[in-house]
Amino acid sequence: MVNISIEIHTSFCWLMYNFKLLLTCLPSKLL
């Protein structure tokens, strides 16, 4: 059970990191 929660947490952090990266990259491409 602990392993699964850690996996979910890391994947969520990775997702949020990519989302922030996307948010910072998109405006510069639009401009």
PDB file of N, CA and C in Angstrom:
ATOM      1  N   MET A   1       0.828  -1.199   0.000  1.00  0.00           N
ATOM      2  CA  MET A   1       0.000   0.000   0.000  1.00  0.00           C
ATOM      3  C   MET A   1       0.869   1.259   0.000  1.00  0.00           C
ATOM      4  N   VAL A   2       1.928   1.238   0.772  1.00  0.00           N
ATOM      5  CA  VAL A   2       2.806   2.412   0.860  1.00  0.00           C
ATOM      6  C   VAL A   2       3.491   2.677  -0.484  1.00  0.00           C
ATOM      7  N   ASN A   3       3.930   1.604  -1.127  1.00  0.00           N
ATOM      8  CA  ASN A   3       4.598   1.746  -2.418  1.00  0.00           C
ATOM      9  C   ASN A   3       3.697   2.422  -3.454  1.00  0.00           C
ATOM     10  N   ILE A   4       2.444   2.055  -3.451  1.00  0.00           N
ATOM     11  CA  ILE A   4       1.499   2.615  -4.417  1.00  0.00           C
ATOM     12  C   ILE A   4       1.302   4.106  -4.171  1.00  0.00           C
ATOM     13  N   SER A   5       1.187   4.499  -2.911  1.00  0.00           N
ATOM     14  CA  SER A   5       0.974   5.910  -2.579  1.00  0.00           C
ATOM     15  C   SER A   5       2.185   6.747  -2.966  1.00  0.00           C
ATOM     16  N   ILE A   6       3.374   6.183  -2.771  1.00  0.00           N
ATOM     17  CA  ILE A   6       4.602   6.883  -3.159  1.00  0.00           C
ATOM     18  C   ILE A   6       4.651   7.046  -4.676  1.00  0.00           C
ATOM     19  N   GLU A   7       4.264   6.011  -5.375  1.00  0.00           N
ATOM     20  CA  GLU A   7       4.258   6.045  -6.836  1.00  0.00           C
ATOM     21  C   GLU A   7       3.285   7.108  -7.342  1.00  0.00           C
ATOM     22  N   ILE A   8       2.116   7.160  -6.726  1.00  0.00           N
ATOM     23  CA  ILE A   8       1.109   8.155  -7.106  1.00  0.00           C
ATOM     24  C   ILE A   8       1.628   9.557  -6.813  1.00  0.00           C
ATOM     25  N   HIS A   9       2.273   9.714  -5.675  1.00  0.00           N
ATOM     26  CA  HIS A   9       2.800  11.020  -5.280  1.00  0.00           C
ATOM     27  C   HIS A   9       3.865  11.511  -6.258  1.00  0.00           C
ATOM     28  N   THR A  10       4.782  10.627  -6.630  1.00  0.00           N
ATOM     29  CA  THR A  10       5.854  11.015  -7.547  1.00  0.00           C
ATOM     30  C   THR A  10       5.311  11.320  -8.941  1.00  0.00           C
ATOM     31  N   SER A  11       4.362  10.521  -9.384  1.00  0.00           N
ATOM     32  CA  SER A  11       3.767  10.763 -10.704  1.00  0.00           C
ATOM     33  C   SER A  11       2.976  12.071 -10.703  1.00  0.00           C
ATOM     34  N   PHE A  12       2.343  12.370  -9.575  1.00  0.00           N
ATOM     35  CA  PHE A  12       1.594  13.614  -9.459  1.00  0.00           C
ATOM     36  C   PHE A  12       2.529  14.812  -9.483  1.00  0.00           C
ATOM     37  N   CYS A  13       3.635  14.705  -8.783  1.00  0.00           N
ATOM     38  CA  CYS A  13       4.633  15.783  -8.768  1.00  0.00           C
ATOM     39  C   CYS A  13       5.209  15.982 -10.169  1.00  0.00           C
ATOM     40  N   TRP A  14       5.474  14.890 -10.852  1.00  0.00           N
ATOM     41  CA  TRP A  14       5.999  14.949 -12.214  1.00  0.00           C
ATOM     42  C   TRP A  14       4.995  15.598 -13.146  1.00  0.00           C
ATOM     43  N   LEU A  15       3.723  15.265 -12.954  1.00  0.00           N
ATOM     44  CA  LEU A  15       2.649  15.850 -13.753  1.00  0.00           C
ATOM     45  C   LEU A  15       2.551  17.353 -13.514  1.00  0.00           C
ATOM     46  N   MET A  16       2.595  17.752 -12.269  1.00  0.00           N
ATOM     47  CA  MET A  16       2.513  19.173 -11.917  1.00  0.00           C
ATOM     48  C   MET A  16       3.718  19.932 -12.472  1.00  0.00           C
ATOM     49  N   TYR A  17       4.873  19.299 -12.423  1.00  0.00           N
ATOM     50  CA  TYR A  17       6.085  19.913 -12.958  1.00  0.00           C
ATOM     51  C   TYR A  17       5.958  20.136 -14.463  1.00  0.00           C
ATOM     52  N   ASN A  18       5.470  19.147 -15.172  1.00  0.00           N
ATOM     53  CA  ASN A  18       5.272  19.272 -16.615  1.00  0.00           C
ATOM     54  C   ASN A  18       4.210  20.311 -16.949  1.00  0.00           C
ATOM     55  N   PHE A  19       3.195  20.378 -16.110  1.00  0.00           N
ATOM     56  CA  PHE A  19       2.120  21.341 -16.317  1.00  0.00           C
ATOM     57  C   PHE A  19       2.639  22.766 -16.151  1.00  0.00           C
ATOM     58  N   LYS A  20       3.484  22.991 -15.152  1.00  0.00           N
ATOM     59  CA  LYS A  20       4.076  24.309 -14.938  1.00  0.00           C
ATOM     60  C   LYS A  20       4.998  24.663 -16.097  1.00  0.00           C
ATOM     61  N   LEU A  21       5.737  23.679 -16.566  1.00  0.00           N
ATOM     62  CA  LEU A  21       6.622  23.883 -17.705  1.00  0.00           C
ATOM     63  C   LEU A  21       5.816  24.265 -18.942  1.00  0.00           C
ATOM     64  N   LEU A  22       4.718  23.578 -19.144  1.00  0.00           N
ATOM     65  CA  LEU A  22       3.835  23.851 -20.272  1.00  0.00           C
ATOM     66  C   LEU A  22       3.268  25.268 -20.175  1.00  0.00           C
ATOM     67  N   LEU A  23       2.876  25.663 -18.968  1.00  0.00           N
ATOM     68  CA  LEU A  23       2.312  26.991 -18.748  1.00  0.00           C
ATOM     69  C   LEU A  23       3.329  28.087 -19.033  1.00  0.00           C
ATOM     70  N   THR A  24       4.583  27.833 -18.740  1.00  0.00           N
ATOM     71  CA  THR A  24       5.612  28.835 -18.984  1.00  0.00           C
ATOM     72  C   THR A  24       6.047  28.860 -20.445  1.00  0.00           C
ATOM     73  N   CYS A  25       5.968  27.719 -21.110  1.00  0.00           N
ATOM     74  CA  CYS A  25       6.392  27.631 -22.508  1.00  0.00           C
ATOM     75  C   CYS A  25       5.317  28.118 -23.479  1.00  0.00           C
ATOM     76  N   LEU A  26       4.068  27.844 -23.177  1.00  0.00           N
ATOM     77  CA  LEU A  26       2.980  28.201 -24.078  1.00  0.00           C
ATOM     78  C   LEU A  26       2.869  29.703 -24.356  1.00  0.00           C
ATOM     79  N   PRO A  27       2.872  30.572 -23.346  1.00  0.00           N
ATOM     80  CA  PRO A  27       2.750  32.014 -23.612  1.00  0.00           C
ATOM     81  C   PRO A  27       3.844  32.550 -24.536  1.00  0.00           C
ATOM     82  N   SER A  28       5.066  32.059 -24.355  1.00  0.00           N
ATOM     83  CA  SER A  28       6.170  32.527 -25.197  1.00  0.00           C
ATOM     84  C   SER A  28       5.991  32.089 -26.646  1.00  0.00           C
ATOM     85  N   LYS A  29       5.374  30.929 -26.844  1.00  0.00           N
ATOM     86  CA  LYS A  29       5.122  30.450 -28.209  1.00  0.00           C
ATOM     87  C   LYS A  29       3.969  31.212 -28.848  1.00  0.00           C
ATOM     88  N   LEU A  30       3.025  31.630 -28.028  1.00  0.00           N
ATOM     89  CA  LEU A  30       1.866  32.356 -28.540  1.00  0.00           C
ATOM     90  C   LEU A  30       2.232  33.790 -28.925  1.00  0.00           C
ATOM     91  N   LEU A  31       3.191  34.356 -28.199  1.00  0.00           N
ATOM     92  CA  LEU A  31       3.557  35.750 -28.463  1.00  0.00           C
ATOM     93  C   LEU A  31       4.379  35.953 -29.729  1.00  0.00           C
TER      94      LEU A  31
END
